[in-house]
């Protein structure tokens, strides 16, 4: 049995008001960081309209942006959210 490794960047939330969500390579000295949660990513999307389309590592595990459209007659138009994949 082989083990598949998923390449993912870690994403963090910070107390830096100018840039409150960052990748590891964007971290700067002098700020407090913690691994972002899925809720943090959803807040980021709601606030900026930007989506991380790559796989990212969060507090819950590696996640990926998921979208699904439903037929026009359905009560739900679409689902857009981050989902844990590993």
PDB file of N, CA and C in Angstrom:
ATOM      1  N   UNK A   1       0.846  -1.181   0.000  1.00  0.00           N
ATOM      2  CA  UNK A   1       0.000   0.000   0.000  1.00  0.00           C
ATOM      3  C   UNK A   1       0.889   1.241   0.000  1.00  0.00           C
ATOM      4  N   UNK A   2       0.595   2.180  -0.884  1.00  0.00           N
ATOM      5  CA  UNK A   2       1.375   3.414  -0.943  1.00  0.00           C
ATOM      6  C   UNK A   2       0.617   4.539  -0.248  1.00  0.00           C
ATOM      7  N   UNK A   3       1.366   5.444   0.310  1.00  0.00           N
ATOM      8  CA  UNK A   3       0.783   6.595   0.972  1.00  0.00           C
ATOM      9  C   UNK A   3       0.922   7.796   0.056  1.00  0.00           C
ATOM     10  N   UNK A   4      -0.174   8.483  -0.168  1.00  0.00           N
ATOM     11  CA  UNK A   4      -0.163   9.663  -1.026  1.00  0.00           C
ATOM     12  C   UNK A   4       0.085  10.896  -0.165  1.00  0.00           C
ATOM     13  N   UNK A   5       1.029  11.726  -0.585  1.00  0.00           N
ATOM     14  CA  UNK A   5       1.307  12.971   0.103  1.00  0.00           C
ATOM     15  C   UNK A   5       0.622  14.106  -0.645  1.00  0.00           C
ATOM     16  N   UNK A   6      -0.147  14.884   0.070  1.00  0.00           N
ATOM     17  CA  UNK A   6      -0.831  16.016  -0.537  1.00  0.00           C
ATOM     18  C   UNK A   6      -0.013  17.264  -0.251  1.00  0.00           C
ATOM     19  N   UNK A   7       0.384  17.951  -1.307  1.00  0.00           N
ATOM     20  CA  UNK A   7       1.125  19.199  -1.160  1.00  0.00           C
ATOM     21  C   UNK A   7       0.151  20.302  -0.782  1.00  0.00           C
ATOM     22  N   UNK A   8       0.397  20.933   0.352  1.00  0.00           N
ATOM     23  CA  UNK A   8      -0.477  22.006   0.806  1.00  0.00           C
ATOM     24  C   UNK A   8       0.340  23.053   1.539  1.00  0.00           C
ATOM     25  N   UNK A   9      -0.060  24.295   1.390  1.00  0.00           N
ATOM     26  CA  UNK A   9       0.577  25.386   2.115  1.00  0.00           C
ATOM     27  C   UNK A   9      -0.182  25.605   3.421  1.00  0.00           C
ATOM     28  N   UNK A  10       0.553  25.914   4.489  1.00  0.00           N
ATOM     29  CA  UNK A  10      -0.087  26.246   5.747  1.00  0.00           C
ATOM     30  C   UNK A  10      -0.544  27.698   5.688  1.00  0.00           C
ATOM     31  N   UNK A  11      -1.742  27.947   6.191  1.00  0.00           N
ATOM     32  CA  UNK A  11      -2.280  29.308   6.227  1.00  0.00           C
ATOM     33  C   UNK A  11      -2.545  29.680   7.689  1.00  0.00           C
ATOM     34  N   UNK A  12      -2.171  30.909   8.039  1.00  0.00           N
ATOM     35  CA  UNK A  12      -2.243  31.372   9.421  1.00  0.00           C
ATOM     36  C   UNK A  12      -3.082  32.632   9.541  1.00  0.00           C
ATOM     37  N   UNK A  13      -3.662  32.833  10.718  1.00  0.00           N
ATOM     38  CA  UNK A  13      -4.288  34.104  11.056  1.00  0.00           C
ATOM     39  C   UNK A  13      -3.344  34.813  12.013  1.00  0.00           C
ATOM     40  N   UNK A  14      -3.383  36.137  11.974  1.00  0.00           N
ATOM     41  CA  UNK A  14      -2.456  36.934  12.765  1.00  0.00           C
ATOM     42  C   UNK A  14      -3.171  38.110  13.415  1.00  0.00           C
ATOM     43  N   UNK A  15      -2.494  38.728  14.358  1.00  0.00           N
ATOM     44  CA  UNK A  15      -3.034  39.931  14.990  1.00  0.00           C
ATOM     45  C   UNK A  15      -2.675  41.192  14.210  1.00  0.00           C
ATOM     46  N   UNK A  16      -2.055  41.044  13.055  1.00  0.00           N
ATOM     47  CA  UNK A  16      -1.705  42.173  12.184  1.00  0.00           C
ATOM     48  C   UNK A  16      -2.964  42.601  11.421  1.00  0.00           C
ATOM     49  N   UNK A  17      -3.506  43.747  11.753  1.00  0.00           N
ATOM     50  CA  UNK A  17      -4.748  44.202  11.118  1.00  0.00           C
ATOM     51  C   UNK A  17      -4.597  44.470   9.622  1.00  0.00           C
ATOM     52  N   UNK A  18      -3.401  44.824   9.186  1.00  0.00           N
ATOM     53  CA  UNK A  18      -3.176  45.124   7.770  1.00  0.00           C
ATOM     54  C   UNK A  18      -3.205  43.863   6.904  1.00  0.00           C
ATOM     55  N   UNK A  19      -2.815  42.745   7.463  1.00  0.00           N
ATOM     56  CA  UNK A  19      -2.788  41.474   6.726  1.00  0.00           C
ATOM     57  C   UNK A  19      -3.074  40.364   7.726  1.00  0.00           C
ATOM     58  N   UNK A  20      -4.367  40.051   7.941  1.00  0.00           N
ATOM     59  CA  UNK A  20      -4.727  39.161   9.036  1.00  0.00           C
ATOM     60  C   UNK A  20      -4.716  37.674   8.685  1.00  0.00           C
ATOM     61  N   UNK A  21      -4.539  37.335   7.416  1.00  0.00           N
ATOM     62  CA  UNK A  21      -4.416  35.921   7.050  1.00  0.00           C
ATOM     63  C   UNK A  21      -3.246  35.788   6.079  1.00  0.00           C
ATOM     64  N   UNK A  22      -2.301  34.902   6.392  1.00  0.00           N
ATOM     65  CA  UNK A  22      -1.059  34.817   5.619  1.00  0.00           C
ATOM     66  C   UNK A  22      -0.606  33.373   5.460  1.00  0.00           C
ATOM     67  N   UNK A  23       0.231  33.168   4.445  1.00  0.00           N
ATOM     68  CA  UNK A  23       0.925  31.893   4.293  1.00  0.00           C
ATOM     69  C   UNK A  23       2.233  31.964   5.068  1.00  0.00           C
ATOM     70  N   UNK A  24       2.820  30.813   5.336  1.00  0.00           N
ATOM     71  CA  UNK A  24       4.022  30.716   6.162  1.00  0.00           C
ATOM     72  C   UNK A  24       5.143  31.632   5.678  1.00  0.00           C
ATOM     73  N   UNK A  25       5.346  31.710   4.358  1.00  0.00           N
ATOM     74  CA  UNK A  25       6.436  32.511   3.812  1.00  0.00           C
ATOM     75  C   UNK A  25       6.183  34.017   3.940  1.00  0.00           C
ATOM     76  N   UNK A  26       4.966  34.411   4.290  1.00  0.00           N
ATOM     77  CA  UNK A  26       4.633  35.825   4.440  1.00  0.00           C
ATOM     78  C   UNK A  26       4.696  36.301   5.888  1.00  0.00           C
ATOM     79  N   UNK A  27       5.023  35.396   6.810  1.00  0.00           N
ATOM     80  CA  UNK A  27       5.055  35.747   8.235  1.00  0.00           C
ATOM     81  C   UNK A  27       6.160  36.759   8.519  1.00  0.00           C
ATOM     82  N   UNK A  28       5.880  37.670   9.442  1.00  0.00           N
ATOM     83  CA  UNK A  28       6.832  38.705   9.824  1.00  0.00           C
ATOM     84  C   UNK A  28       7.016  38.675  11.334  1.00  0.00           C
ATOM     85  N   UNK A  29       8.199  39.040  11.775  1.00  0.00           N
ATOM     86  CA  UNK A  29       8.491  39.103  13.204  1.00  0.00           C
ATOM     87  C   UNK A  29       7.628  40.179  13.858  1.00  0.00           C
ATOM     88  N   UNK A  30       7.284  39.957  15.110  1.00  0.00           N
ATOM     89  CA  UNK A  30       6.552  40.957  15.877  1.00  0.00           C
ATOM     90  C   UNK A  30       5.053  40.731  15.941  1.00  0.00           C
ATOM     91  N   UNK A  31       4.535  39.709  15.269  1.00  0.00           N
ATOM     92  CA  UNK A  31       3.111  39.428  15.290  1.00  0.00           C
ATOM     93  C   UNK A  31       2.863  38.028  15.831  1.00  0.00           C
ATOM     94  N   UNK A  32       1.682  37.816  16.370  1.00  0.00           N
ATOM     95  CA  UNK A  32       1.278  36.499  16.875  1.00  0.00           C
ATOM     96  C   UNK A  32       0.540  35.755  15.766  1.00  0.00           C
ATOM     97  N   UNK A  33       0.834  34.463  15.596  1.00  0.00           N
ATOM     98  CA  UNK A  33       0.219  33.652  14.550  1.00  0.00           C
ATOM     99  C   UNK A  33      -0.359  32.373  15.115  1.00  0.00           C
ATOM    100  N   UNK A  34      -1.437  31.896  14.513  1.00  0.00           N
ATOM    101  CA  UNK A  34      -1.971  30.562  14.794  1.00  0.00           C
ATOM    102  C   UNK A  34      -2.491  29.999  13.484  1.00  0.00           C
ATOM    103  N   UNK A  35      -2.471  28.682  13.376  1.00  0.00           N
ATOM    104  CA  UNK A  35      -2.962  28.018  12.173  1.00  0.00           C
ATOM    105  C   UNK A  35      -4.432  28.381  11.977  1.00  0.00           C
ATOM    106  N   UNK A  36      -4.788  28.801  10.779  1.00  0.00           N
ATOM    107  CA  UNK A  36      -6.166  29.219  10.478  1.00  0.00           C
ATOM    108  C   UNK A  36      -7.113  28.032  10.543  1.00  0.00           C
ATOM    109  N   UNK A  37      -8.362  28.320  10.790  1.00  0.00           N
ATOM    110  CA  UNK A  37      -9.413  27.303  10.770  1.00  0.00           C
ATOM    111  C   UNK A  37     -10.224  27.465   9.481  1.00  0.00           C
ATOM    112  N   UNK A  38     -11.085  26.514   9.226  1.00  0.00           N
ATOM    113  CA  UNK A  38     -11.984  26.626   8.071  1.00  0.00           C
ATOM    114  C   UNK A  38     -12.864  27.862   8.227  1.00  0.00           C
ATOM    115  N   UNK A  39     -13.328  28.129   9.437  1.00  0.00           N
ATOM    116  CA  UNK A  39     -14.144  29.325   9.671  1.00  0.00           C
ATOM    117  C   UNK A  39     -13.365  30.596   9.338  1.00  0.00           C
ATOM    118  N   UNK A  40     -12.064  30.623   9.678  1.00  0.00           N
ATOM    119  CA  UNK A  40     -11.238  31.780   9.325  1.00  0.00           C
ATOM    120  C   UNK A  40     -11.185  31.967   7.810  1.00  0.00           C
ATOM    121  N   UNK A  41     -11.038  30.860   7.069  1.00  0.00           N
ATOM    122  CA  UNK A  41     -11.003  30.946   5.606  1.00  0.00           C
ATOM    123  C   UNK A  41     -12.334  31.436   5.054  1.00  0.00           C
ATOM    124  N   UNK A  42     -13.445  30.945   5.613  1.00  0.00           N
ATOM    125  CA  UNK A  42     -14.761  31.397   5.168  1.00  0.00           C
ATOM    126  C   UNK A  42     -14.948  32.888   5.461  1.00  0.00           C
ATOM    127  N   UNK A  43     -14.461  33.353   6.624  1.00  0.00           N
ATOM    128  CA  UNK A  43     -14.524  34.787   6.941  1.00  0.00           C
ATOM    129  C   UNK A  43     -13.707  35.592   5.938  1.00  0.00           C
ATOM    130  N   UNK A  44     -12.561  35.064   5.549  1.00  0.00           N
ATOM    131  CA  UNK A  44     -11.701  35.739   4.578  1.00  0.00           C
ATOM    132  C   UNK A  44     -12.412  35.871   3.222  1.00  0.00           C
ATOM    133  N   UNK A  45     -13.034  34.791   2.782  1.00  0.00           N
ATOM    134  CA  UNK A  45     -13.769  34.822   1.513  1.00  0.00           C
ATOM    135  C   UNK A  45     -14.918  35.826   1.593  1.00  0.00           C
ATOM    136  N   UNK A  46     -15.654  35.816   2.708  1.00  0.00           N
ATOM    137  CA  UNK A  46     -16.779  36.738   2.871  1.00  0.00           C
ATOM    138  C   UNK A  46     -16.304  38.195   2.884  1.00  0.00           C
ATOM    139  N   UNK A  47     -15.148  38.433   3.486  1.00  0.00           N
ATOM    140  CA  UNK A  47     -14.658  39.798   3.601  1.00  0.00           C
ATOM    141  C   UNK A  47     -13.953  40.340   2.380  1.00  0.00           C
ATOM    142  N   UNK A  48     -13.327  39.455   1.607  1.00  0.00           N
ATOM    143  CA  UNK A  48     -12.512  39.913   0.473  1.00  0.00           C
ATOM    144  C   UNK A  48     -13.027  39.445  -0.880  1.00  0.00           C
ATOM    145  N   UNK A  49     -13.792  38.368  -0.898  1.00  0.00           N
ATOM    146  CA  UNK A  49     -14.228  37.791  -2.163  1.00  0.00           C
ATOM    147  C   UNK A  49     -13.162  36.919  -2.808  1.00  0.00           C
ATOM    148  N   UNK A  50     -12.003  36.796  -2.159  1.00  0.00           N
ATOM    149  CA  UNK A  50     -10.907  35.975  -2.679  1.00  0.00           C
ATOM    150  C   UNK A  50     -10.994  34.556  -2.117  1.00  0.00           C
ATOM    151  N   UNK A  51     -10.649  33.588  -2.980  1.00  0.00           N
ATOM    152  CA  UNK A  51     -10.666  32.181  -2.601  1.00  0.00           C
ATOM    153  C   UNK A  51      -9.274  31.601  -2.820  1.00  0.00           C
ATOM    154  N   UNK A  52      -8.798  30.826  -1.855  1.00  0.00           N
ATOM    155  CA  UNK A  52      -7.552  30.076  -2.054  1.00  0.00           C
ATOM    156  C   UNK A  52      -7.914  28.818  -2.826  1.00  0.00           C
ATOM    157  N   UNK A  53      -7.482  28.733  -4.077  1.00  0.00           N
ATOM    158  CA  UNK A  53      -7.859  27.588  -4.909  1.00  0.00           C
ATOM    159  C   UNK A  53      -6.913  26.415  -4.736  1.00  0.00           C
ATOM    160  N   UNK A  54      -5.729  26.657  -4.180  1.00  0.00           N
ATOM    161  CA  UNK A  54      -4.806  25.558  -3.899  1.00  0.00           C
ATOM    162  C   UNK A  54      -5.235  24.851  -2.619  1.00  0.00           C
ATOM    163  N   UNK A  55      -4.701  23.688  -2.400  1.00  0.00           N
ATOM    164  CA  UNK A  55      -4.937  22.987  -1.141  1.00  0.00           C
ATOM    165  C   UNK A  55      -4.175  23.713  -0.042  1.00  0.00           C
ATOM    166  N   UNK A  56      -4.832  23.965   1.090  1.00  0.00           N
ATOM    167  CA  UNK A  56      -4.196  24.640   2.205  1.00  0.00           C
ATOM    168  C   UNK A  56      -4.395  23.843   3.480  1.00  0.00           C
ATOM    169  N   UNK A  57      -3.384  23.908   4.352  1.00  0.00           N
ATOM    170  CA  UNK A  57      -3.453  23.206   5.624  1.00  0.00           C
ATOM    171  C   UNK A  57      -4.014  24.141   6.676  1.00  0.00           C
ATOM    172  N   UNK A  58      -5.052  23.679   7.352  1.00  0.00           N
ATOM    173  CA  UNK A  58      -5.708  24.458   8.399  1.00  0.00           C
ATOM    174  C   UNK A  58      -5.663  23.666   9.699  1.00  0.00           C
ATOM    175  N   UNK A  59      -6.248  24.215  10.746  1.00  0.00           N
ATOM    176  CA  UNK A  59      -6.303  23.539  12.043  1.00  0.00           C
ATOM    177  C   UNK A  59      -7.075  22.216  11.947  1.00  0.00           C
ATOM    178  N   UNK A  60      -8.020  22.131  11.017  1.00  0.00           N
ATOM    179  CA  UNK A  60      -8.821  20.906  10.860  1.00  0.00           C
ATOM    180  C   UNK A  60      -8.182  19.886   9.926  1.00  0.00           C
ATOM    181  N   UNK A  61      -7.156  20.258   9.200  1.00  0.00           N
ATOM    182  CA  UNK A  61      -6.511  19.384   8.226  1.00  0.00           C
ATOM    183  C   UNK A  61      -6.362  20.101   6.892  1.00  0.00           C
ATOM    184  N   UNK A  62      -6.006  19.352   5.862  1.00  0.00           N
ATOM    185  CA  UNK A  62      -5.846  19.931   4.528  1.00  0.00           C
ATOM    186  C   UNK A  62      -7.232  20.110   3.916  1.00  0.00           C
ATOM    187  N   UNK A  63      -7.472  21.325   3.404  1.00  0.00           N
ATOM    188  CA  UNK A  63      -8.778  21.637   2.828  1.00  0.00           C
ATOM    189  C   UNK A  63      -8.633  22.107   1.391  1.00  0.00           C
ATOM    190  N   UNK A  64      -9.768  22.087   0.705  1.00  0.00           N
ATOM    191  CA  UNK A  64      -9.816  22.519  -0.690  1.00  0.00           C
ATOM    192  C   UNK A  64     -11.159  23.206  -0.910  1.00  0.00           C
ATOM    193  N   UNK A  65     -11.183  24.224  -1.780  1.00  0.00           N
ATOM    194  CA  UNK A  65     -12.413  24.943  -2.101  1.00  0.00           C
ATOM    195  C   UNK A  65     -13.324  24.036  -2.908  1.00  0.00           C
ATOM    196  N   UNK A  66     -14.580  23.955  -2.518  1.00  0.00           N
ATOM    197  CA  UNK A  66     -15.561  23.075  -3.140  1.00  0.00           C
ATOM    198  C   UNK A  66     -16.746  23.907  -3.612  1.00  0.00           C
ATOM    199  N   UNK A  67     -17.207  23.667  -4.820  1.00  0.00           N
ATOM    200  CA  UNK A  67     -18.425  24.309  -5.321  1.00  0.00           C
ATOM    201  C   UNK A  67     -19.311  23.274  -5.986  1.00  0.00           C
ATOM    202  N   UNK A  68     -20.605  23.473  -5.844  1.00  0.00           N
ATOM    203  CA  UNK A  68     -21.571  22.602  -6.503  1.00  0.00           C
ATOM    204  C   UNK A  68     -22.796  23.429  -6.851  1.00  0.00           C
ATOM    205  N   UNK A  69     -23.222  23.358  -8.096  1.00  0.00           N
ATOM    206  CA  UNK A  69     -24.445  24.031  -8.538  1.00  0.00           C
ATOM    207  C   UNK A  69     -25.578  23.018  -8.580  1.00  0.00           C
ATOM    208  N   UNK A  70     -26.776  23.489  -8.299  1.00  0.00           N
ATOM    209  CA  UNK A  70     -27.949  22.629  -8.317  1.00  0.00           C
ATOM    210  C   UNK A  70     -28.879  23.066  -9.445  1.00  0.00           C
ATOM    211  N   UNK A  71     -29.795  22.203  -9.858  1.00  0.00           N
ATOM    212  CA  UNK A  71     -30.737  22.578 -10.917  1.00  0.00           C
ATOM    213  C   UNK A  71     -31.557  23.807 -10.522  1.00  0.00           C
ATOM    214  N   UNK A  72     -32.038  24.529 -11.512  1.00  0.00           N
ATOM    215  CA  UNK A  72     -32.780  25.767 -11.264  1.00  0.00           C
ATOM    216  C   UNK A  72     -34.022  25.555 -10.408  1.00  0.00           C
ATOM    217  N   UNK A  73     -34.648  24.385 -10.489  1.00  0.00           N
ATOM    218  CA  UNK A  73     -35.858  24.120  -9.726  1.00  0.00           C
ATOM    219  C   UNK A  73     -35.566  23.777  -8.272  1.00  0.00           C
ATOM    220  N   UNK A  74     -34.311  23.598  -7.924  1.00  0.00           N
ATOM    221  CA  UNK A  74     -33.936  23.222  -6.561  1.00  0.00           C
ATOM    222  C   UNK A  74     -34.056  24.412  -5.611  1.00  0.00           C
ATOM    223  N   UNK A  75     -34.327  24.134  -4.351  1.00  0.00           N
ATOM    224  CA  UNK A  75     -34.408  25.193  -3.334  1.00  0.00           C
ATOM    225  C   UNK A  75     -33.029  25.780  -3.040  1.00  0.00           C
ATOM    226  N   UNK A  76     -31.983  25.004  -3.294  1.00  0.00           N
ATOM    227  CA  UNK A  76     -30.608  25.466  -3.087  1.00  0.00           C
ATOM    228  C   UNK A  76     -29.996  25.752  -4.447  1.00  0.00           C
ATOM    229  N   UNK A  77     -29.416  26.937  -4.617  1.00  0.00           N
ATOM    230  CA  UNK A  77     -28.798  27.291  -5.902  1.00  0.00           C
ATOM    231  C   UNK A  77     -27.404  26.683  -6.038  1.00  0.00           C
ATOM    232  N   UNK A  78     -26.597  26.836  -4.975  1.00  0.00           N
ATOM    233  CA  UNK A  78     -25.228  26.326  -5.031  1.00  0.00           C
ATOM    234  C   UNK A  78     -24.640  26.224  -3.633  1.00  0.00           C
ATOM    235  N   UNK A  79     -23.562  25.458  -3.524  1.00  0.00           N
ATOM    236  CA  UNK A  79     -22.781  25.343  -2.300  1.00  0.00           C
ATOM    237  C   UNK A  79     -21.358  25.744  -2.650  1.00  0.00           C
ATOM    238  N   UNK A  80     -20.779  26.620  -1.856  1.00  0.00           N
ATOM    239  CA  UNK A  80     -19.384  27.022  -2.008  1.00  0.00           C
ATOM    240  C   UNK A  80     -18.787  27.028  -0.602  1.00  0.00           C
ATOM    241  N   UNK A  81     -17.771  26.204  -0.382  1.00  0.00           N
ATOM    242  CA  UNK A  81     -17.176  26.117   0.951  1.00  0.00           C
ATOM    243  C   UNK A  81     -15.850  25.383   0.891  1.00  0.00           C
ATOM    244  N   UNK A  82     -15.064  25.539   1.957  1.00  0.00           N
ATOM    245  CA  UNK A  82     -13.850  24.745   2.103  1.00  0.00           C
ATOM    246  C   UNK A  82     -14.230  23.428   2.756  1.00  0.00           C
ATOM    247  N   UNK A  83     -13.653  22.342   2.250  1.00  0.00           N
ATOM    248  CA  UNK A  83     -13.909  21.006   2.789  1.00  0.00           C
ATOM    249  C   UNK A  83     -12.600  20.298   3.071  1.00  0.00           C
ATOM    250  N   UNK A  84     -12.578  19.537   4.163  1.00  0.00           N
ATOM    251  CA  UNK A  84     -11.390  18.766   4.534  1.00  0.00           C
ATOM    252  C   UNK A  84     -11.229  17.615   3.556  1.00  0.00           C
ATOM    253  N   UNK A  85     -10.018  17.475   3.007  1.00  0.00           N
ATOM    254  CA  UNK A  85      -9.742  16.367   2.095  1.00  0.00           C
ATOM    255  C   UNK A  85      -8.705  15.408   2.669  1.00  0.00           C
ATOM    256  N   UNK A  86      -8.017  15.816   3.737  1.00  0.00           N
ATOM    257  CA  UNK A  86      -7.014  14.930   4.360  1.00  0.00           C
ATOM    258  C   UNK A  86      -6.756  15.373   5.780  1.00  0.00           C
TER     259      UNK A  86
END
